Amino acid sequence: MSGSTERADSMLTYKLRGHDSGSTSYGYYPEDGPYFGTVVSDAATGDLISRTLAPNDRHGVYLGHMVGKIADMIVNGELSDHGMIAWG
């Protein structure tokens, strides 16, 4: 089909909810939907402090991708206010 684009099998969007010297908090939205979960990580190391699964993330797959992304951003010193993660 002309003009078609490949699509990732899964994706999430995320938004920074808070950041201070002790922790960084993000909301993650599986498939860019209305339901979200939260991830709070140590602001210095990226280690997970707490998490709340999104109602539509029954197996924690989206959560796992979000935790990894936060750790990468913290280690690289490049926190973003929002973004998207896609995998397939």
PDB file of N, CA and C in Angstrom:
ATOM      1  N   MET A   1       0.852  -1.168   0.000  1.00  0.00           N
ATOM      2  CA  MET A   1       0.000   0.000   0.000  1.00  0.00           C
ATOM      3  C   MET A   1       0.896   1.229   0.000  1.00  0.00           C
ATOM      4  N   SER A   2       0.641   2.138  -0.852  1.00  0.00           N
ATOM      5  CA  SER A   2       1.429   3.355  -0.978  1.00  0.00           C
ATOM      6  C   SER A   2       1.227   4.260   0.225  1.00  0.00           C
ATOM      7  N   GLY A   3       2.353   4.821   0.718  1.00  0.00           N
ATOM      8  CA  GLY A   3       2.269   5.760   1.830  1.00  0.00           C
ATOM      9  C   GLY A   3       2.138   5.104   3.187  1.00  0.00           C
ATOM     10  N   SER A   4       2.219   3.786   3.260  1.00  0.00           N
ATOM     11  CA  SER A   4       2.085   3.139   4.563  1.00  0.00           C
ATOM     12  C   SER A   4       3.371   3.298   5.359  1.00  0.00           C
ATOM     13  N   THR A   5       3.241   3.264   6.659  1.00  0.00           N
ATOM     14  CA  THR A   5       4.405   3.348   7.531  1.00  0.00           C
ATOM     15  C   THR A   5       4.409   2.158   8.463  1.00  0.00           C
ATOM     16  N   GLU A   6       5.613   1.736   8.854  1.00  0.00           N
ATOM     17  CA  GLU A   6       5.703   0.657   9.819  1.00  0.00           C
ATOM     18  C   GLU A   6       5.372   1.207  11.194  1.00  0.00           C
ATOM     19  N   ARG A   7       4.755   0.375  11.997  1.00  0.00           N
ATOM     20  CA  ARG A   7       4.349   0.787  13.332  1.00  0.00           C
ATOM     21  C   ARG A   7       4.961  -0.160  14.350  1.00  0.00           C
ATOM     22  N   ALA A   8       5.404   0.397  15.469  1.00  0.00           N
ATOM     23  CA  ALA A   8       5.910  -0.437  16.553  1.00  0.00           C
ATOM     24  C   ALA A   8       4.756  -1.248  17.131  1.00  0.00           C
ATOM     25  N   ASP A   9       5.072  -2.415  17.652  1.00  0.00           N
ATOM     26  CA  ASP A   9       4.035  -3.254  18.240  1.00  0.00           C
ATOM     27  C   ASP A   9       3.460  -2.642  19.511  1.00  0.00           C
ATOM     28  N   SER A  10       4.312  -1.997  20.307  1.00  0.00           N
ATOM     29  CA  SER A  10       3.874  -1.416  21.572  1.00  0.00           C
ATOM     30  C   SER A  10       4.563  -0.080  21.798  1.00  0.00           C
ATOM     31  N   MET A  11       3.926   0.763  22.592  1.00  0.00           N
ATOM     32  CA  MET A  11       4.518   2.053  22.914  1.00  0.00           C
ATOM     33  C   MET A  11       3.901   2.593  24.188  1.00  0.00           C
ATOM     34  N   LEU A  12       4.601   3.573  24.752  1.00  0.00           N
ATOM     35  CA  LEU A  12       4.055   4.307  25.881  1.00  0.00           C
ATOM     36  C   LEU A  12       4.503   5.752  25.771  1.00  0.00           C
ATOM     37  N   THR A  13       3.749   6.626  26.370  1.00  0.00           N
ATOM     38  CA  THR A  13       4.177   8.007  26.517  1.00  0.00           C
ATOM     39  C   THR A  13       4.411   8.243  27.998  1.00  0.00           C
ATOM     40  N   TYR A  14       5.222   9.253  28.301  1.00  0.00           N
ATOM     41  CA  TYR A  14       5.499   9.551  29.699  1.00  0.00           C
ATOM     42  C   TYR A  14       5.575  11.053  29.922  1.00  0.00           C
ATOM     43  N   LYS A  15       5.307  11.440  31.168  1.00  0.00           N
ATOM     44  CA  LYS A  15       5.345  12.853  31.555  1.00  0.00           C
ATOM     45  C   LYS A  15       6.008  12.971  32.917  1.00  0.00           C
ATOM     46  N   LEU A  16       6.910  13.946  33.043  1.00  0.00           N
ATOM     47  CA  LEU A  16       7.550  14.235  34.318  1.00  0.00           C
ATOM     48  C   LEU A  16       6.508  14.797  35.270  1.00  0.00           C
ATOM     49  N   ARG A  17       6.389  14.203  36.449  1.00  0.00           N
ATOM     50  CA  ARG A  17       5.419  14.664  37.443  1.00  0.00           C
ATOM     51  C   ARG A  17       6.091  15.457  38.549  1.00  0.00           C
ATOM     52  N   GLY A  18       7.377  15.209  38.776  1.00  0.00           N
ATOM     53  CA  GLY A  18       8.090  15.939  39.815  1.00  0.00           C
ATOM     54  C   GLY A  18       9.550  15.546  39.867  1.00  0.00           C
ATOM     55  N   HIS A  19      10.400  16.485  40.304  1.00  0.00           N
ATOM     56  CA  HIS A  19      11.831  16.219  40.426  1.00  0.00           C
ATOM     57  C   HIS A  19      12.399  17.119  41.510  1.00  0.00           C
ATOM     58  N   ASP A  20      13.135  16.517  42.439  1.00  0.00           N
ATOM     59  CA  ASP A  20      13.855  17.297  43.442  1.00  0.00           C
ATOM     60  C   ASP A  20      15.186  16.605  43.692  1.00  0.00           C
ATOM     61  N   SER A  21      15.910  17.017  44.709  1.00  0.00           N
ATOM     62  CA  SER A  21      17.235  16.456  44.949  1.00  0.00           C
ATOM     63  C   SER A  21      17.192  14.981  45.347  1.00  0.00           C
ATOM     64  N   GLY A  22      16.051  14.501  45.822  1.00  0.00           N
ATOM     65  CA  GLY A  22      15.963  13.115  46.275  1.00  0.00           C
ATOM     66  C   GLY A  22      15.333  12.146  45.305  1.00  0.00           C
ATOM     67  N   SER A  23      14.379  12.618  44.508  1.00  0.00           N
ATOM     68  CA  SER A  23      13.660  11.686  43.641  1.00  0.00           C
ATOM     69  C   SER A  23      13.145  12.344  42.372  1.00  0.00           C
ATOM     70  N   THR A  24      12.840  11.481  41.422  1.00  0.00           N
ATOM     71  CA  THR A  24      12.255  11.884  40.146  1.00  0.00           C
ATOM     72  C   THR A  24      11.011  11.036  39.931  1.00  0.00           C
ATOM     73  N   SER A  25       9.897  11.670  39.590  1.00  0.00           N
ATOM     74  CA  SER A  25       8.635  10.966  39.434  1.00  0.00           C
ATOM     75  C   SER A  25       8.075  11.172  38.024  1.00  0.00           C
ATOM     76  N   TYR A  26       7.699  10.076  37.386  1.00  0.00           N
ATOM     77  CA  TYR A  26       7.092  10.114  36.059  1.00  0.00           C
ATOM     78  C   TYR A  26       5.764   9.381  36.071  1.00  0.00           C
ATOM     79  N   GLY A  27       4.838   9.840  35.241  1.00  0.00           N
ATOM     80  CA  GLY A  27       3.633   9.096  34.923  1.00  0.00           C
ATOM     81  C   GLY A  27       3.861   8.451  33.567  1.00  0.00           C
ATOM     82  N   TYR A  28       3.466   7.190  33.415  1.00  0.00           N
ATOM     83  CA  TYR A  28       3.590   6.532  32.114  1.00  0.00           C
ATOM     84  C   TYR A  28       2.212   6.068  31.643  1.00  0.00           C
ATOM     85  N   TYR A  29       1.977   6.183  30.354  1.00  0.00           N
ATOM     86  CA  TYR A  29       0.665   5.940  29.749  1.00  0.00           C
ATOM     87  C   TYR A  29       0.790   4.869  28.663  1.00  0.00           C
ATOM     88  N   PRO A  30       0.461   3.598  28.981  1.00  0.00           N
ATOM     89  CA  PRO A  30       0.529   2.552  27.958  1.00  0.00           C
ATOM     90  C   PRO A  30      -0.340   2.890  26.752  1.00  0.00           C
ATOM     91  N   GLU A  31       0.247   2.733  25.597  1.00  0.00           N
ATOM     92  CA  GLU A  31      -0.436   2.988  24.317  1.00  0.00           C
ATOM     93  C   GLU A  31      -1.030   4.393  24.253  1.00  0.00           C
ATOM     94  N   ASP A  32      -0.428   5.341  24.973  1.00  0.00           N
ATOM     95  CA  ASP A  32      -0.862   6.742  24.991  1.00  0.00           C
ATOM     96  C   ASP A  32      -2.333   6.874  25.396  1.00  0.00           C
ATOM     97  N   GLY A  33      -2.781   5.946  26.236  1.00  0.00           N
ATOM     98  CA  GLY A  33      -4.175   5.934  26.658  1.00  0.00           C
ATOM     99  C   GLY A  33      -4.438   6.809  27.864  1.00  0.00           C
ATOM    100  N   PRO A  34      -5.671   6.773  28.373  1.00  0.00           N
ATOM    101  CA  PRO A  34      -6.057   7.623  29.494  1.00  0.00           C
ATOM    102  C   PRO A  34      -5.567   7.105  30.851  1.00  0.00           C
ATOM    103  N   TYR A  35      -5.198   5.810  30.926  1.00  0.00           N
ATOM    104  CA  TYR A  35      -4.781   5.226  32.201  1.00  0.00           C
ATOM    105  C   TYR A  35      -3.271   5.347  32.355  1.00  0.00           C
ATOM    106  N   PHE A  36      -2.836   5.612  33.582  1.00  0.00           N
ATOM    107  CA  PHE A  36      -1.396   5.765  33.781  1.00  0.00           C
ATOM    108  C   PHE A  36      -0.940   5.089  35.059  1.00  0.00           C
ATOM    109  N   GLY A  37       0.350   4.820  35.094  1.00  0.00           N
ATOM    110  CA  GLY A  37       1.026   4.330  36.278  1.00  0.00           C
ATOM    111  C   GLY A  37       2.087   5.334  36.660  1.00  0.00           C
ATOM    112  N   THR A  38       2.698   5.159  37.813  1.00  0.00           N
ATOM    113  CA  THR A  38       3.736   6.084  38.244  1.00  0.00           C
ATOM    114  C   THR A  38       5.009   5.332  38.603  1.00  0.00           C
ATOM    115  N   VAL A  39       6.129   6.002  38.398  1.00  0.00           N
ATOM    116  CA  VAL A  39       7.437   5.477  38.743  1.00  0.00           C
ATOM    117  C   VAL A  39       8.192   6.578  39.461  1.00  0.00           C
ATOM    118  N   VAL A  40       8.683   6.266  40.661  1.00  0.00           N
ATOM    119  CA  VAL A  40       9.507   7.201  41.422  1.00  0.00           C
ATOM    120  C   VAL A  40      10.881   6.563  41.565  1.00  0.00           C
ATOM    121  N   SER A  41      11.905   7.294  41.140  1.00  0.00           N
ATOM    122  CA  SER A  41      13.272   6.780  41.173  1.00  0.00           C
ATOM    123  C   SER A  41      14.175   7.719  41.956  1.00  0.00           C
ATOM    124  N   ASP A  42      15.254   7.163  42.485  1.00  0.00           N
ATOM    125  CA  ASP A  42      16.267   7.957  43.170  1.00  0.00           C
ATOM    126  C   ASP A  42      16.868   8.932  42.158  1.00  0.00           C
ATOM    127  N   ALA A  43      16.917  10.214  42.501  1.00  0.00           N
ATOM    128  CA  ALA A  43      17.364  11.247  41.569  1.00  0.00           C
ATOM    129  C   ALA A  43      18.842  11.135  41.234  1.00  0.00           C
ATOM    130  N   ALA A  44      19.631  10.492  42.076  1.00  0.00           N
ATOM    131  CA  ALA A  44      21.066  10.386  41.827  1.00  0.00           C
ATOM    132  C   ALA A  44      21.448   9.111  41.084  1.00  0.00           C
ATOM    133  N   THR A  45      20.795   7.998  41.430  1.00  0.00           N
ATOM    134  CA  THR A  45      21.205   6.707  40.875  1.00  0.00           C
ATOM    135  C   THR A  45      20.249   6.135  39.836  1.00  0.00           C
ATOM    136  N   GLY A  46      18.999   6.570  39.855  1.00  0.00           N
ATOM    137  CA  GLY A  46      17.990   5.990  38.980  1.00  0.00           C
ATOM    138  C   GLY A  46      17.346   4.743  39.547  1.00  0.00           C
ATOM    139  N   ASP A  47      17.772   4.313  40.738  1.00  0.00           N
ATOM    140  CA  ASP A  47      17.190   3.121  41.358  1.00  0.00           C
ATOM    141  C   ASP A  47      15.712   3.342  41.670  1.00  0.00           C
ATOM    142  N   LEU A  48      14.920   2.313  41.488  1.00  0.00           N
ATOM    143  CA  LEU A  48      13.482   2.375  41.723  1.00  0.00           C
ATOM    144  C   LEU A  48      13.191   2.560  43.209  1.00  0.00           C
ATOM    145  N   ILE A  49      12.380   3.556  43.535  1.00  0.00           N
ATOM    146  CA  ILE A  49      11.923   3.784  44.910  1.00  0.00           C
ATOM    147  C   ILE A  49      10.522   3.212  45.091  1.00  0.00           C
ATOM    148  N   SER A  50       9.620   3.563  44.183  1.00  0.00           N
ATOM    149  CA  SER A  50       8.251   3.045  44.244  1.00  0.00           C
ATOM    150  C   SER A  50       7.646   3.059  42.855  1.00  0.00           C
ATOM    151  N   ARG A  51       6.572   2.317  42.736  1.00  0.00           N
ATOM    152  CA  ARG A  51       5.870   2.266  41.448  1.00  0.00           C
ATOM    153  C   ARG A  51       4.429   1.880  41.662  1.00  0.00           C
ATOM    154  N   THR A  52       3.588   2.353  40.753  1.00  0.00           N
ATOM    155  CA  THR A  52       2.181   1.968  40.715  1.00  0.00           C
ATOM    156  C   THR A  52       1.885   1.553  39.282  1.00  0.00           C
ATOM    157  N   LEU A  53       1.472   0.330  39.083  1.00  0.00           N
ATOM    158  CA  LEU A  53       1.168  -0.145  37.733  1.00  0.00           C
ATOM    159  C   LEU A  53      -0.044   0.570  37.162  1.00  0.00           C
ATOM    160  N   ALA A  54       0.014   0.859  35.882  1.00  0.00           N
ATOM    161  CA  ALA A  54      -1.162   1.350  35.175  1.00  0.00           C
ATOM    162  C   ALA A  54      -2.175   0.203  35.121  1.00  0.00           C
ATOM    163  N   PRO A  55      -3.462   0.497  35.195  1.00  0.00           N
ATOM    164  CA  PRO A  55      -4.476  -0.568  35.174  1.00  0.00           C
ATOM    165  C   PRO A  55      -4.391  -1.478  33.944  1.00  0.00           C
ATOM    166  N   ASN A  56      -3.915  -0.943  32.827  1.00  0.00           N
ATOM    167  CA  ASN A  56      -3.819  -1.737  31.595  1.00  0.00           C
ATOM    168  C   ASN A  56      -2.394  -2.255  31.368  1.00  0.00           C
ATOM    169  N   ASP A  57      -1.588  -2.358  32.426  1.00  0.00           N
ATOM    170  CA  ASP A  57      -0.227  -2.894  32.357  1.00  0.00           C
ATOM    171  C   ASP A  57      -0.145  -4.091  33.303  1.00  0.00           C
ATOM    172  N   ARG A  58      -0.988  -5.076  33.067  1.00  0.00           N
ATOM    173  CA  ARG A  58      -1.143  -6.205  33.981  1.00  0.00           C
ATOM    174  C   ARG A  58       0.143  -6.993  34.234  1.00  0.00           C
ATOM    175  N   HIS A  59       1.026  -7.060  33.261  1.00  0.00           N
ATOM    176  CA  HIS A  59       2.239  -7.858  33.407  1.00  0.00           C
ATOM    177  C   HIS A  59       3.478  -7.008  33.660  1.00  0.00           C
ATOM    178  N   GLY A  60       3.326  -5.695  33.759  1.00  0.00           N
ATOM    179  CA  GLY A  60       4.444  -4.817  34.064  1.00  0.00           C
ATOM    180  C   GLY A  60       5.417  -4.584  32.925  1.00  0.00           C
ATOM    181  N   VAL A  61       5.030  -4.937  31.709  1.00  0.00           N
ATOM    182  CA  VAL A  61       5.926  -4.747  30.560  1.00  0.00           C
ATOM    183  C   VAL A  61       6.195  -3.268  30.315  1.00  0.00           C
ATOM    184  N   TYR A  62       5.150  -2.463  30.329  1.00  0.00           N
ATOM    185  CA  TYR A  62       5.314  -1.024  30.110  1.00  0.00           C
ATOM    186  C   TYR A  62       6.128  -0.412  31.253  1.00  0.00           C
ATOM    187  N   LEU A  63       5.846  -0.839  32.466  1.00  0.00           N
ATOM    188  CA  LEU A  63       6.588  -0.370  33.627  1.00  0.00           C
ATOM    189  C   LEU A  63       8.081  -0.646  33.462  1.00  0.00           C
ATOM    190  N   GLY A  64       8.427  -1.832  33.034  1.00  0.00           N
ATOM    191  CA  GLY A  64       9.834  -2.191  32.838  1.00  0.00           C
ATOM    192  C   GLY A  64      10.536  -1.270  31.860  1.00  0.00           C
ATOM    193  N   HIS A  65       9.860  -0.933  30.768  1.00  0.00           N
ATOM    194  CA  HIS A  65      10.446  -0.013  29.788  1.00  0.00           C
ATOM    195  C   HIS A  65      10.613   1.382  30.388  1.00  0.00           C
ATOM    196  N   MET A  66       9.643   1.803  31.183  1.00  0.00           N
ATOM    197  CA  MET A  66       9.723   3.137  31.790  1.00  0.00           C
ATOM    198  C   MET A  66      10.836   3.211  32.823  1.00  0.00           C
ATOM    199  N   VAL A  67      10.987   2.194  33.660  1.00  0.00           N
ATOM    200  CA  VAL A  67      12.046   2.176  34.672  1.00  0.00           C
ATOM    201  C   VAL A  67      13.413   2.264  33.995  1.00  0.00           C
ATOM    202  N   GLY A  68      13.593   1.508  32.926  1.00  0.00           N
ATOM    203  CA  GLY A  68      14.863   1.550  32.186  1.00  0.00           C
ATOM    204  C   GLY A  68      15.137   2.913  31.586  1.00  0.00           C
ATOM    205  N   LYS A  69      14.115   3.534  31.035  1.00  0.00           N
ATOM    206  CA  LYS A  69      14.278   4.859  30.425  1.00  0.00           C
ATOM    207  C   LYS A  69      14.653   5.901  31.479  1.00  0.00           C
ATOM    208  N   ILE A  70      13.998   5.868  32.626  1.00  0.00           N
ATOM    209  CA  ILE A  70      14.313   6.828  33.689  1.00  0.00           C
ATOM    210  C   ILE A  70      15.761   6.649  34.146  1.00  0.00           C
ATOM    211  N   ALA A  71      16.185   5.411  34.358  1.00  0.00           N
ATOM    212  CA  ALA A  71      17.564   5.163  34.779  1.00  0.00           C
ATOM    213  C   ALA A  71      18.546   5.717  33.749  1.00  0.00           C
ATOM    214  N   ASP A  72      18.280   5.494  32.469  1.00  0.00           N
ATOM    215  CA  ASP A  72      19.149   6.030  31.408  1.00  0.00           C
ATOM    216  C   ASP A  72      19.195   7.551  31.445  1.00  0.00           C
ATOM    217  N   MET A  73      18.034   8.187  31.597  1.00  0.00           N
ATOM    218  CA  MET A  73      17.994   9.653  31.621  1.00  0.00           C
ATOM    219  C   MET A  73      18.768  10.206  32.809  1.00  0.00           C
ATOM    220  N   ILE A  74      18.615   9.583  33.982  1.00  0.00           N
ATOM    221  CA  ILE A  74      19.306  10.066  35.179  1.00  0.00           C
ATOM    222  C   ILE A  74      20.813   9.891  35.034  1.00  0.00           C
ATOM    223  N   VAL A  75      21.249   8.726  34.580  1.00  0.00           N
ATOM    224  CA  VAL A  75      22.680   8.466  34.412  1.00  0.00           C
ATOM    225  C   VAL A  75      23.290   9.446  33.406  1.00  0.00           C
ATOM    226  N   ASN A  76      22.551   9.758  32.345  1.00  0.00           N
ATOM    227  CA  ASN A  76      23.046  10.676  31.314  1.00  0.00           C
ATOM    228  C   ASN A  76      22.823  12.145  31.660  1.00  0.00           C
ATOM    229  N   GLY A  77      22.129  12.408  32.766  1.00  0.00           N
ATOM    230  CA  GLY A  77      21.864  13.788  33.169  1.00  0.00           C
ATOM    231  C   GLY A  77      20.964  14.534  32.212  1.00  0.00           C
ATOM    232  N   GLU A  78      20.052  13.812  31.573  1.00  0.00           N
ATOM    233  CA  GLU A  78      19.189  14.401  30.552  1.00  0.00           C
ATOM    234  C   GLU A  78      17.721  14.059  30.799  1.00  0.00           C
ATOM    235  N   LEU A  79      17.129  14.604  31.856  1.00  0.00           N
ATOM    236  CA  LEU A  79      15.713  14.373  32.124  1.00  0.00           C
ATOM    237  C   LEU A  79      14.876  15.131  31.112  1.00  0.00           C
ATOM    238  N   SER A  80      13.843  14.490  30.619  1.00  0.00           N
ATOM    239  CA  SER A  80      12.933  15.180  29.706  1.00  0.00           C
ATOM    240  C   SER A  80      11.562  15.313  30.366  1.00  0.00           C
ATOM    241  N   ASP A  81      10.843  16.362  29.999  1.00  0.00           N
ATOM    242  CA  ASP A  81       9.509  16.614  30.557  1.00  0.00           C
ATOM    243  C   ASP A  81       8.477  15.600  30.076  1.00  0.00           C
ATOM    244  N   HIS A  82       8.692  15.086  28.872  1.00  0.00           N
ATOM    245  CA  HIS A  82       7.756  14.124  28.280  1.00  0.00           C
ATOM    246  C   HIS A  82       8.450  13.394  27.148  1.00  0.00           C
ATOM    247  N   GLY A  83       7.836  12.324  26.697  1.00  0.00           N
ATOM    248  CA  GLY A  83       8.408  11.588  25.572  1.00  0.00           C
ATOM    249  C   GLY A  83       7.629  10.333  25.257  1.00  0.00           C
ATOM    250  N   MET A  84       8.203   9.532  24.388  1.00  0.00           N
ATOM    251  CA  MET A  84       7.570   8.301  23.938  1.00  0.00           C
ATOM    252  C   MET A  84       8.645   7.213  23.867  1.00  0.00           C
ATOM    253  N   ILE A  85       8.249   5.998  24.165  1.00  0.00           N
ATOM    254  CA  ILE A  85       9.107   4.826  24.027  1.00  0.00           C
ATOM    255  C   ILE A  85       8.324   3.831  23.180  1.00  0.00           C
ATOM    256  N   ALA A  86       8.939   3.323  22.124  1.00  0.00           N
ATOM    257  CA  ALA A  86       8.282   2.335  21.275  1.00  0.00           C
ATOM    258  C   ALA A  86       9.198   1.122  21.141  1.00  0.00           C
ATOM    259  N   TRP A  87       8.611  -0.051  21.079  1.00  0.00           N
ATOM    260  CA  TRP A  87       9.360  -1.278  20.885  1.00  0.00           C
ATOM    261  C   TRP A  87       8.514  -2.269  20.126  1.00  0.00           C
ATOM    262  N   GLY A  88       9.129  -3.229  19.556  1.00  0.00           N
ATOM    263  CA  GLY A  88       8.369  -4.173  18.764  1.00  0.00           C
ATOM    264  C   GLY A  88       9.079  -5.394  18.574  1.00  0.00           C
TER     265      GLY A  88
END
